[in-house]
N, C-alpha and C. Protein backbone atom coordinates (compact mmCIF):
# COMPACT_ATOMS: atom_id res chain seq x y z
N MET A 1 -43.56 -174.72 24.83
CA MET A 1 -42.82 -175.96 24.90
C MET A 1 -42.92 -176.67 23.55
N LYS A 2 -41.79 -177.23 23.12
CA LYS A 2 -41.81 -178.02 21.89
C LYS A 2 -42.57 -179.31 22.15
N THR A 3 -43.23 -179.77 21.12
CA THR A 3 -44.06 -180.95 21.29
C THR A 3 -43.87 -181.89 20.11
N ILE A 4 -44.70 -182.88 20.06
CA ILE A 4 -44.63 -183.92 19.03
C ILE A 4 -44.68 -183.29 17.65
N GLY A 5 -43.75 -183.73 16.79
CA GLY A 5 -43.69 -183.24 15.42
C GLY A 5 -42.70 -182.10 15.23
N ALA A 6 -42.28 -181.46 16.31
CA ALA A 6 -41.29 -180.39 16.22
C ALA A 6 -39.89 -181.00 16.03
N LYS A 7 -39.03 -180.25 15.39
CA LYS A 7 -37.64 -180.68 15.18
C LYS A 7 -36.73 -180.08 16.24
N LEU A 8 -35.71 -180.87 16.61
CA LEU A 8 -34.66 -180.30 17.44
C LEU A 8 -33.87 -179.32 16.59
N GLU A 9 -33.69 -178.13 17.09
CA GLU A 9 -32.85 -177.14 16.43
C GLU A 9 -31.40 -177.40 16.85
N PRO A 10 -30.44 -176.82 16.14
CA PRO A 10 -29.04 -177.02 16.53
C PRO A 10 -28.81 -176.65 17.99
N PHE A 11 -28.04 -177.48 18.68
CA PHE A 11 -27.66 -177.22 20.07
C PHE A 11 -26.31 -177.87 20.32
N LYS A 12 -25.65 -177.41 21.37
CA LYS A 12 -24.41 -178.03 21.84
C LYS A 12 -24.43 -178.03 23.35
N VAL A 13 -24.15 -179.19 23.93
CA VAL A 13 -24.04 -179.33 25.38
C VAL A 13 -22.76 -180.11 25.67
N HIS A 14 -22.27 -179.96 26.88
CA HIS A 14 -21.10 -180.72 27.31
C HIS A 14 -21.56 -182.09 27.77
N GLY A 15 -21.10 -183.12 27.06
CA GLY A 15 -21.48 -184.48 27.42
C GLY A 15 -20.43 -185.13 28.30
N VAL A 16 -20.89 -185.92 29.25
CA VAL A 16 -20.03 -186.76 30.07
C VAL A 16 -20.26 -188.19 29.59
N LYS A 17 -19.20 -188.82 29.14
CA LYS A 17 -19.30 -190.15 28.54
C LYS A 17 -19.68 -191.22 29.57
N PRO A 18 -20.31 -192.27 29.10
CA PRO A 18 -20.61 -193.40 29.99
C PRO A 18 -19.32 -193.98 30.56
N GLY A 19 -19.40 -194.44 31.81
CA GLY A 19 -18.31 -195.16 32.44
C GLY A 19 -17.25 -194.31 33.11
N PHE A 20 -17.28 -193.01 32.95
CA PHE A 20 -16.26 -192.15 33.53
C PHE A 20 -16.71 -191.61 34.89
N ASN A 21 -15.75 -191.52 35.82
CA ASN A 21 -15.98 -190.88 37.12
C ASN A 21 -15.03 -189.71 37.34
N GLN A 22 -13.97 -189.61 36.53
CA GLN A 22 -12.98 -188.55 36.60
C GLN A 22 -12.95 -187.82 35.26
N ALA A 23 -12.44 -186.60 35.26
CA ALA A 23 -12.37 -185.81 34.03
C ALA A 23 -11.49 -186.47 32.98
N GLU A 24 -10.50 -187.23 33.44
CA GLU A 24 -9.64 -187.98 32.52
C GLU A 24 -9.32 -189.32 33.16
N GLU A 25 -9.45 -190.36 32.38
CA GLU A 25 -9.13 -191.70 32.86
C GLU A 25 -8.37 -192.44 31.77
N ASN A 26 -7.24 -193.04 32.13
CA ASN A 26 -6.42 -193.79 31.18
C ASN A 26 -6.10 -192.98 29.93
N GLY A 27 -5.84 -191.70 30.10
CA GLY A 27 -5.47 -190.84 28.99
C GLY A 27 -6.63 -190.38 28.12
N ALA A 28 -7.85 -190.73 28.47
CA ALA A 28 -9.03 -190.33 27.69
C ALA A 28 -9.87 -189.33 28.47
N SER A 29 -10.40 -188.35 27.77
CA SER A 29 -11.25 -187.34 28.39
C SER A 29 -12.65 -187.91 28.62
N ALA A 30 -13.24 -187.52 29.72
CA ALA A 30 -14.62 -187.92 30.03
C ALA A 30 -15.62 -187.09 29.24
N PHE A 31 -15.16 -186.03 28.60
CA PHE A 31 -16.07 -185.07 28.00
C PHE A 31 -16.08 -185.13 26.48
N GLU A 32 -17.24 -184.86 25.91
CA GLU A 32 -17.36 -184.64 24.47
C GLU A 32 -18.57 -183.74 24.25
N THR A 33 -18.54 -183.03 23.17
CA THR A 33 -19.65 -182.16 22.83
C THR A 33 -20.75 -183.01 22.20
N LEU A 34 -21.97 -182.83 22.69
CA LEU A 34 -23.13 -183.51 22.12
C LEU A 34 -23.99 -182.47 21.41
N SER A 35 -24.57 -182.88 20.29
CA SER A 35 -25.42 -181.97 19.53
C SER A 35 -26.54 -182.77 18.88
N GLU A 36 -27.36 -182.06 18.12
CA GLU A 36 -28.46 -182.72 17.41
C GLU A 36 -27.93 -183.66 16.34
N THR A 37 -26.66 -183.53 15.96
CA THR A 37 -26.10 -184.41 14.93
C THR A 37 -25.34 -185.60 15.52
N SER A 38 -25.20 -185.63 16.84
CA SER A 38 -24.59 -186.79 17.48
C SER A 38 -25.50 -188.00 17.29
N PHE A 39 -24.93 -189.15 17.18
CA PHE A 39 -25.67 -190.41 17.09
C PHE A 39 -26.56 -190.51 15.85
N PRO A 40 -25.98 -190.32 14.67
CA PRO A 40 -26.78 -190.42 13.44
C PRO A 40 -27.44 -191.79 13.30
N GLY A 41 -28.67 -191.77 12.82
CA GLY A 41 -29.43 -193.00 12.61
C GLY A 41 -30.02 -193.60 13.87
N LYS A 42 -29.83 -192.97 15.01
CA LYS A 42 -30.33 -193.49 16.28
C LYS A 42 -31.52 -192.69 16.78
N TRP A 43 -32.39 -193.37 17.48
CA TRP A 43 -33.40 -192.69 18.28
C TRP A 43 -32.67 -192.12 19.49
N LYS A 44 -33.18 -191.04 20.06
CA LYS A 44 -32.59 -190.45 21.24
C LYS A 44 -33.66 -190.34 22.33
N VAL A 45 -33.32 -190.85 23.50
CA VAL A 45 -34.15 -190.63 24.68
C VAL A 45 -33.39 -189.61 25.51
N ILE A 46 -33.97 -188.43 25.62
CA ILE A 46 -33.34 -187.32 26.32
C ILE A 46 -34.19 -187.00 27.54
N TYR A 47 -33.58 -187.15 28.72
CA TYR A 47 -34.33 -186.81 29.93
C TYR A 47 -33.58 -185.75 30.72
N PHE A 48 -34.34 -184.90 31.37
CA PHE A 48 -33.80 -183.81 32.18
C PHE A 48 -34.15 -184.04 33.64
N THR A 49 -33.21 -183.69 34.50
CA THR A 49 -33.45 -183.62 35.93
C THR A 49 -33.21 -182.18 36.37
N PRO A 50 -33.84 -181.75 37.44
CA PRO A 50 -33.67 -180.35 37.86
C PRO A 50 -32.25 -180.02 38.31
N LYS A 51 -31.71 -180.81 39.23
CA LYS A 51 -30.41 -180.50 39.81
C LYS A 51 -29.67 -181.78 40.14
N ASP A 52 -28.36 -181.72 40.05
CA ASP A 52 -27.53 -182.83 40.51
C ASP A 52 -27.55 -182.84 42.04
N PHE A 53 -27.23 -183.96 42.61
CA PHE A 53 -27.18 -184.17 44.06
C PHE A 53 -28.55 -184.11 44.71
N SER A 54 -29.58 -184.46 43.98
CA SER A 54 -30.94 -184.54 44.52
C SER A 54 -31.30 -186.02 44.64
N ASP A 55 -31.95 -186.40 45.73
CA ASP A 55 -32.29 -187.81 45.95
C ASP A 55 -33.25 -188.34 44.89
N ILE A 56 -34.29 -187.61 44.56
CA ILE A 56 -35.25 -188.07 43.55
C ILE A 56 -34.55 -188.24 42.22
N CYS A 57 -33.70 -187.29 41.86
CA CYS A 57 -33.00 -187.36 40.58
C CYS A 57 -32.11 -188.59 40.50
N ALA A 58 -31.38 -188.90 41.56
CA ALA A 58 -30.50 -190.07 41.55
C ALA A 58 -31.30 -191.35 41.35
N THR A 59 -32.47 -191.44 41.98
CA THR A 59 -33.32 -192.61 41.83
C THR A 59 -33.81 -192.74 40.39
N GLU A 60 -34.19 -191.63 39.79
CA GLU A 60 -34.62 -191.67 38.39
C GLU A 60 -33.48 -192.08 37.47
N ILE A 61 -32.29 -191.54 37.72
CA ILE A 61 -31.14 -191.89 36.89
C ILE A 61 -30.84 -193.38 37.00
N GLU A 62 -30.93 -193.94 38.18
CA GLU A 62 -30.76 -195.39 38.35
C GLU A 62 -31.79 -196.15 37.51
N GLY A 63 -33.02 -195.67 37.53
CA GLY A 63 -34.07 -196.31 36.73
C GLY A 63 -33.79 -196.24 35.24
N TYR A 64 -33.34 -195.08 34.78
CA TYR A 64 -32.98 -194.96 33.37
C TYR A 64 -31.77 -195.82 33.04
N ALA A 65 -30.79 -195.89 33.95
CA ALA A 65 -29.60 -196.72 33.71
C ALA A 65 -29.98 -198.18 33.48
N ALA A 66 -30.99 -198.65 34.19
CA ALA A 66 -31.45 -200.03 34.00
C ALA A 66 -32.02 -200.25 32.60
N LEU A 67 -32.39 -199.16 31.92
CA LEU A 67 -32.97 -199.27 30.58
C LEU A 67 -31.97 -199.02 29.47
N ALA A 68 -30.73 -198.66 29.80
CA ALA A 68 -29.75 -198.31 28.77
C ALA A 68 -29.56 -199.44 27.76
N GLU A 69 -29.40 -200.65 28.23
CA GLU A 69 -29.19 -201.77 27.30
C GLU A 69 -30.44 -202.10 26.49
N PRO A 70 -31.63 -202.22 27.12
CA PRO A 70 -32.82 -202.44 26.31
C PRO A 70 -33.06 -201.33 25.28
N LEU A 71 -32.76 -200.09 25.63
CA LEU A 71 -32.89 -198.99 24.67
C LEU A 71 -31.89 -199.16 23.53
N ALA A 72 -30.66 -199.51 23.85
CA ALA A 72 -29.64 -199.71 22.82
C ALA A 72 -30.04 -200.84 21.87
N GLN A 73 -30.66 -201.89 22.41
CA GLN A 73 -31.13 -203.00 21.57
C GLN A 73 -32.19 -202.53 20.57
N ARG A 74 -32.84 -201.44 20.88
CA ARG A 74 -33.88 -200.89 20.00
C ARG A 74 -33.35 -199.76 19.12
N GLY A 75 -32.04 -199.54 19.15
CA GLY A 75 -31.46 -198.50 18.31
C GLY A 75 -31.57 -197.11 18.90
N ALA A 76 -31.64 -197.01 20.21
CA ALA A 76 -31.78 -195.71 20.87
C ALA A 76 -30.59 -195.45 21.79
N VAL A 77 -30.20 -194.20 21.86
CA VAL A 77 -29.16 -193.78 22.80
C VAL A 77 -29.84 -192.99 23.91
N LEU A 78 -29.34 -193.18 25.13
CA LEU A 78 -29.92 -192.55 26.31
C LEU A 78 -29.01 -191.41 26.77
N MET A 79 -29.63 -190.24 27.01
CA MET A 79 -28.89 -189.06 27.48
C MET A 79 -29.71 -188.36 28.55
N GLY A 80 -29.09 -188.16 29.70
CA GLY A 80 -29.76 -187.45 30.78
C GLY A 80 -28.96 -186.24 31.19
N GLY A 81 -29.63 -185.16 31.52
CA GLY A 81 -28.89 -183.97 31.91
C GLY A 81 -29.67 -182.99 32.73
N SER A 82 -28.97 -181.93 33.08
CA SER A 82 -29.55 -180.83 33.86
C SER A 82 -28.79 -179.57 33.50
N VAL A 83 -29.12 -178.47 34.16
CA VAL A 83 -28.41 -177.22 33.91
C VAL A 83 -27.15 -177.11 34.76
N ASP A 84 -26.84 -178.12 35.57
CA ASP A 84 -25.58 -178.14 36.31
C ASP A 84 -24.44 -178.48 35.35
N ASN A 85 -23.20 -178.12 35.72
CA ASN A 85 -22.08 -178.32 34.80
C ASN A 85 -21.55 -179.76 34.81
N GLU A 86 -20.68 -180.04 33.87
CA GLU A 86 -20.14 -181.39 33.68
C GLU A 86 -19.31 -181.86 34.86
N TYR A 87 -18.67 -180.96 35.56
CA TYR A 87 -17.87 -181.35 36.72
C TYR A 87 -18.76 -181.77 37.89
N ALA A 88 -19.91 -181.14 38.02
CA ALA A 88 -20.87 -181.55 39.05
C ALA A 88 -21.36 -182.95 38.77
N LYS A 89 -21.55 -183.29 37.51
CA LYS A 89 -22.01 -184.64 37.16
C LYS A 89 -20.98 -185.68 37.56
N LEU A 90 -19.70 -185.41 37.29
CA LEU A 90 -18.66 -186.35 37.69
C LEU A 90 -18.57 -186.46 39.21
N ALA A 91 -18.69 -185.34 39.91
CA ALA A 91 -18.64 -185.36 41.37
C ALA A 91 -19.81 -186.17 41.92
N TRP A 92 -20.97 -186.04 41.30
CA TRP A 92 -22.16 -186.79 41.74
C TRP A 92 -21.94 -188.28 41.52
N ARG A 93 -21.34 -188.65 40.39
CA ARG A 93 -21.03 -190.06 40.13
C ARG A 93 -20.08 -190.62 41.19
N ARG A 94 -19.14 -189.82 41.63
CA ARG A 94 -18.19 -190.28 42.65
C ARG A 94 -18.84 -190.35 44.03
N ALA A 95 -19.81 -189.48 44.29
CA ALA A 95 -20.43 -189.39 45.61
C ALA A 95 -21.53 -190.42 45.84
N VAL A 96 -22.18 -190.86 44.77
CA VAL A 96 -23.33 -191.77 44.91
C VAL A 96 -22.96 -193.11 44.25
N PRO A 97 -22.76 -194.15 45.05
CA PRO A 97 -22.32 -195.44 44.49
C PRO A 97 -23.18 -195.95 43.32
N ALA A 98 -24.47 -195.72 43.36
CA ALA A 98 -25.36 -196.21 42.29
C ALA A 98 -25.10 -195.49 40.97
N LEU A 99 -24.45 -194.32 41.01
CA LEU A 99 -24.17 -193.57 39.79
C LEU A 99 -22.73 -193.77 39.29
N ALA A 100 -21.92 -194.47 40.06
CA ALA A 100 -20.53 -194.70 39.66
C ALA A 100 -20.49 -195.46 38.34
N ASN A 101 -19.60 -195.02 37.47
CA ASN A 101 -19.44 -195.66 36.15
C ASN A 101 -20.76 -195.73 35.40
N LEU A 102 -21.55 -194.69 35.47
CA LEU A 102 -22.87 -194.64 34.84
C LEU A 102 -22.78 -195.10 33.38
N ASN A 103 -23.75 -195.88 32.95
CA ASN A 103 -23.71 -196.54 31.64
C ASN A 103 -24.32 -195.75 30.50
N HIS A 104 -24.64 -194.51 30.70
CA HIS A 104 -25.16 -193.69 29.61
C HIS A 104 -24.66 -192.26 29.74
N TYR A 105 -24.83 -191.51 28.66
CA TYR A 105 -24.38 -190.13 28.62
C TYR A 105 -25.16 -189.28 29.60
N GLN A 106 -24.43 -188.38 30.24
CA GLN A 106 -25.05 -187.27 30.95
C GLN A 106 -24.63 -186.01 30.21
N PHE A 107 -25.44 -184.99 30.28
CA PHE A 107 -25.04 -183.75 29.63
C PHE A 107 -25.25 -182.57 30.56
N ALA A 108 -24.39 -181.59 30.37
CA ALA A 108 -24.44 -180.35 31.13
C ALA A 108 -24.95 -179.27 30.21
N ASP A 109 -26.16 -178.81 30.47
CA ASP A 109 -26.77 -177.73 29.72
C ASP A 109 -26.66 -176.46 30.57
N SER A 110 -25.41 -176.11 30.91
CA SER A 110 -25.15 -175.04 31.88
C SER A 110 -25.78 -173.71 31.50
N ALA A 111 -25.79 -173.38 30.23
CA ALA A 111 -26.40 -172.13 29.79
C ALA A 111 -27.91 -172.27 29.63
N GLY A 112 -28.41 -173.50 29.69
CA GLY A 112 -29.84 -173.73 29.54
C GLY A 112 -30.32 -173.64 28.10
N ALA A 113 -29.41 -173.68 27.14
CA ALA A 113 -29.81 -173.51 25.74
C ALA A 113 -30.77 -174.60 25.27
N LEU A 114 -30.49 -175.86 25.62
CA LEU A 114 -31.37 -176.95 25.19
C LEU A 114 -32.68 -176.90 25.98
N ALA A 115 -32.60 -176.70 27.27
CA ALA A 115 -33.82 -176.60 28.09
C ALA A 115 -34.70 -175.45 27.60
N ASP A 116 -34.09 -174.33 27.25
CA ASP A 116 -34.86 -173.18 26.76
C ASP A 116 -35.44 -173.47 25.38
N GLN A 117 -34.65 -174.10 24.50
CA GLN A 117 -35.15 -174.45 23.17
C GLN A 117 -36.39 -175.34 23.29
N LEU A 118 -36.35 -176.28 24.23
CA LEU A 118 -37.47 -177.20 24.41
C LEU A 118 -38.59 -176.59 25.26
N GLY A 119 -38.32 -175.48 25.91
CA GLY A 119 -39.35 -174.79 26.69
C GLY A 119 -39.66 -175.45 28.01
N ILE A 120 -38.64 -176.05 28.65
CA ILE A 120 -38.91 -176.80 29.88
C ILE A 120 -38.21 -176.23 31.11
N ARG A 121 -37.73 -175.01 31.03
CA ARG A 121 -37.08 -174.42 32.21
C ARG A 121 -38.15 -173.84 33.13
N ASP A 122 -38.10 -174.23 34.40
CA ASP A 122 -39.01 -173.69 35.39
C ASP A 122 -38.67 -172.21 35.60
N ARG A 123 -39.65 -171.35 35.44
CA ARG A 123 -39.40 -169.91 35.49
C ARG A 123 -39.03 -169.42 36.89
N ASN A 124 -39.52 -170.09 37.91
CA ASN A 124 -39.21 -169.65 39.27
C ASN A 124 -37.87 -170.17 39.77
N GLU A 125 -37.58 -171.42 39.49
CA GLU A 125 -36.37 -172.06 40.00
C GLU A 125 -35.17 -171.93 39.05
N GLY A 126 -35.42 -171.70 37.76
CA GLY A 126 -34.34 -171.59 36.79
C GLY A 126 -33.72 -172.90 36.37
N VAL A 127 -34.35 -174.01 36.75
CA VAL A 127 -33.83 -175.34 36.41
C VAL A 127 -34.77 -176.02 35.43
N ALA A 128 -34.31 -177.10 34.85
CA ALA A 128 -35.17 -177.86 33.93
C ALA A 128 -36.22 -178.64 34.71
N LEU A 129 -37.41 -178.69 34.16
CA LEU A 129 -38.45 -179.55 34.71
C LEU A 129 -38.07 -181.01 34.46
N ARG A 130 -38.75 -181.93 35.08
CA ARG A 130 -38.51 -183.36 34.86
C ARG A 130 -39.16 -183.75 33.54
N ALA A 131 -38.41 -183.56 32.48
CA ALA A 131 -38.94 -183.77 31.13
C ALA A 131 -38.23 -184.93 30.46
N THR A 132 -38.98 -185.65 29.63
CA THR A 132 -38.43 -186.75 28.83
C THR A 132 -38.91 -186.55 27.40
N PHE A 133 -37.98 -186.66 26.47
CA PHE A 133 -38.27 -186.54 25.05
C PHE A 133 -37.77 -187.79 24.34
N ILE A 134 -38.59 -188.34 23.46
CA ILE A 134 -38.14 -189.39 22.55
C ILE A 134 -38.08 -188.75 21.17
N VAL A 135 -36.88 -188.79 20.58
CA VAL A 135 -36.61 -188.11 19.32
C VAL A 135 -36.19 -189.16 18.30
N ASP A 136 -36.80 -189.12 17.12
CA ASP A 136 -36.49 -190.13 16.10
C ASP A 136 -35.16 -189.82 15.40
N PRO A 137 -34.69 -190.72 14.55
CA PRO A 137 -33.40 -190.50 13.88
C PRO A 137 -33.34 -189.25 13.00
N ASP A 138 -34.49 -188.70 12.62
CA ASP A 138 -34.54 -187.47 11.83
C ASP A 138 -34.64 -186.22 12.72
N ASN A 139 -34.45 -186.40 14.03
CA ASN A 139 -34.52 -185.31 15.01
C ASN A 139 -35.90 -184.70 15.16
N THR A 140 -36.93 -185.51 14.91
CA THR A 140 -38.30 -185.08 15.13
C THR A 140 -38.76 -185.65 16.47
N ILE A 141 -39.33 -184.80 17.29
CA ILE A 141 -39.82 -185.23 18.60
C ILE A 141 -41.06 -186.09 18.40
N GLN A 142 -41.03 -187.29 18.98
CA GLN A 142 -42.15 -188.23 18.86
C GLN A 142 -42.90 -188.44 20.16
N HIS A 143 -42.30 -188.03 21.28
CA HIS A 143 -42.96 -188.18 22.58
C HIS A 143 -42.40 -187.14 23.53
N VAL A 144 -43.28 -186.57 24.36
CA VAL A 144 -42.90 -185.61 25.39
C VAL A 144 -43.65 -185.95 26.66
N SER A 145 -42.92 -185.94 27.76
CA SER A 145 -43.53 -186.10 29.08
C SER A 145 -42.84 -185.11 30.01
N VAL A 146 -43.63 -184.32 30.73
CA VAL A 146 -43.06 -183.31 31.63
C VAL A 146 -43.79 -183.38 32.97
N ASN A 147 -43.00 -183.47 34.03
CA ASN A 147 -43.55 -183.54 35.38
C ASN A 147 -43.16 -182.31 36.19
N ASN A 148 -43.94 -182.06 37.22
CA ASN A 148 -43.64 -181.06 38.23
C ASN A 148 -42.27 -181.37 38.83
N LEU A 149 -41.57 -180.36 39.32
CA LEU A 149 -40.25 -180.56 39.91
C LEU A 149 -40.24 -181.59 41.03
N LYS A 150 -41.32 -181.70 41.76
CA LYS A 150 -41.37 -182.59 42.92
C LYS A 150 -41.90 -183.99 42.62
N VAL A 151 -42.27 -184.23 41.37
CA VAL A 151 -42.88 -185.53 41.01
C VAL A 151 -41.90 -186.32 40.17
N GLY A 152 -41.49 -187.48 40.69
CA GLY A 152 -40.58 -188.34 39.96
C GLY A 152 -41.28 -189.08 38.82
N ARG A 153 -40.46 -189.69 37.97
CA ARG A 153 -40.97 -190.41 36.80
C ARG A 153 -40.81 -191.91 36.97
N CYS A 154 -41.49 -192.64 36.12
CA CYS A 154 -41.35 -194.08 36.00
C CYS A 154 -40.58 -194.31 34.68
N PRO A 155 -39.26 -194.51 34.74
CA PRO A 155 -38.49 -194.65 33.50
C PRO A 155 -38.99 -195.78 32.59
N GLU A 156 -39.54 -196.84 33.15
CA GLU A 156 -40.02 -197.95 32.33
C GLU A 156 -41.08 -197.52 31.33
N GLU A 157 -41.82 -196.49 31.67
CA GLU A 157 -42.84 -195.97 30.75
C GLU A 157 -42.19 -195.48 29.46
N THR A 158 -40.99 -194.94 29.56
CA THR A 158 -40.27 -194.46 28.37
C THR A 158 -40.00 -195.62 27.41
N LEU A 159 -39.60 -196.76 27.95
CA LEU A 159 -39.35 -197.93 27.12
C LEU A 159 -40.64 -198.42 26.47
N ARG A 160 -41.74 -198.43 27.22
CA ARG A 160 -43.02 -198.85 26.65
C ARG A 160 -43.43 -197.93 25.50
N VAL A 161 -43.24 -196.62 25.68
CA VAL A 161 -43.61 -195.68 24.63
C VAL A 161 -42.72 -195.87 23.40
N LEU A 162 -41.42 -196.05 23.61
CA LEU A 162 -40.53 -196.28 22.47
C LEU A 162 -40.95 -197.55 21.72
N ASP A 163 -41.26 -198.62 22.45
CA ASP A 163 -41.73 -199.84 21.80
C ASP A 163 -42.98 -199.58 20.96
N ALA A 164 -43.90 -198.80 21.50
CA ALA A 164 -45.12 -198.49 20.75
C ALA A 164 -44.79 -197.70 19.49
N LEU A 165 -43.87 -196.75 19.60
CA LEU A 165 -43.48 -195.96 18.42
C LEU A 165 -42.81 -196.84 17.37
N LEU A 166 -42.00 -197.78 17.81
CA LEU A 166 -41.25 -198.64 16.88
C LEU A 166 -42.13 -199.69 16.21
N THR A 167 -43.18 -200.14 16.90
CA THR A 167 -43.99 -201.23 16.37
C THR A 167 -45.38 -200.82 15.93
N GLY A 168 -45.83 -199.64 16.36
CA GLY A 168 -47.19 -199.22 16.04
C GLY A 168 -48.21 -199.88 16.95
N GLN A 169 -47.75 -200.62 17.97
CA GLN A 169 -48.66 -201.23 18.94
C GLN A 169 -48.68 -200.35 20.16
N PHE A 170 -49.79 -199.72 20.40
CA PHE A 170 -49.83 -198.68 21.39
C PHE A 170 -50.22 -199.13 22.79
N CYS A 171 -50.56 -200.38 22.98
CA CYS A 171 -50.86 -200.89 24.31
C CYS A 171 -50.35 -202.32 24.45
N PRO A 172 -49.03 -202.55 24.33
CA PRO A 172 -48.57 -203.93 24.48
C PRO A 172 -48.87 -204.41 25.89
N ALA A 173 -49.58 -205.52 25.99
CA ALA A 173 -50.00 -206.02 27.29
C ALA A 173 -49.16 -207.21 27.72
N ASN A 174 -48.96 -207.31 29.01
CA ASN A 174 -48.32 -208.48 29.62
C ASN A 174 -46.94 -208.79 29.07
N ARG A 175 -46.20 -207.78 28.66
CA ARG A 175 -44.83 -207.99 28.21
C ARG A 175 -43.92 -207.41 29.28
N PRO A 176 -43.03 -208.24 29.84
CA PRO A 176 -42.13 -207.72 30.87
C PRO A 176 -41.27 -206.58 30.33
N VAL A 177 -41.00 -205.59 31.17
CA VAL A 177 -40.15 -204.48 30.80
C VAL A 177 -38.79 -205.04 30.44
N GLY A 178 -38.22 -204.56 29.36
CA GLY A 178 -36.89 -205.00 28.94
C GLY A 178 -36.95 -206.00 27.81
N ASP A 179 -38.06 -206.74 27.65
CA ASP A 179 -38.16 -207.67 26.55
C ASP A 179 -38.46 -206.89 25.28
N PRO A 180 -37.71 -207.16 24.22
CA PRO A 180 -38.00 -206.46 22.96
C PRO A 180 -39.39 -206.80 22.47
N PRO A 181 -40.06 -205.87 21.82
CA PRO A 181 -41.39 -206.14 21.29
C PRO A 181 -41.29 -207.03 20.07
N SER A 182 -42.34 -207.78 19.84
CA SER A 182 -42.40 -208.52 18.58
C SER A 182 -43.35 -207.78 17.66
N LYS A 183 -43.20 -207.99 16.39
CA LYS A 183 -44.04 -207.29 15.43
C LYS A 183 -45.48 -207.78 15.45
N LYS A 184 -45.72 -208.97 16.02
CA LYS A 184 -47.07 -209.55 15.99
C LYS A 184 -47.72 -209.68 17.36
N SER A 185 -47.06 -209.23 18.45
CA SER A 185 -47.69 -209.43 19.75
C SER A 185 -48.82 -208.49 20.02
């Protein structure tokens, strides 16, 4: 598994843009190719879920969606994906009201190229583990968290870790989730 200090190698996945529920809306495609060169100058929070249409996964995605704006305020883009295809992601958005018009990118790593590059594919199930990566603007991995397939995550922890990476304060205390860190707190 790739870990802290490793670089993202070139990859391409099918991205589903924020806000879309159909493959095409108002003459615009819901899809775009995402790669290691997407979002120059931005931090990337990349999280994986095992499969679309899973209850635990939908709850985690809702939790990450609540962090999309605070992450953007910190110069980070949020991307969540699985090895299911881009059409499954749109169908899931239409089927689950909490995922409708999702406010961040989802990606389809159907061939598993990114999951395999990062070393997070479960060998028995063939799906991605519940992994979260924080990647700096130079595409260097700065944080990795990987859970068992059956264990959900606390998305707020990702924001706390990003704040620590951005400020060098590794245990900010008593700061509500979502509030930007100060350089002196």
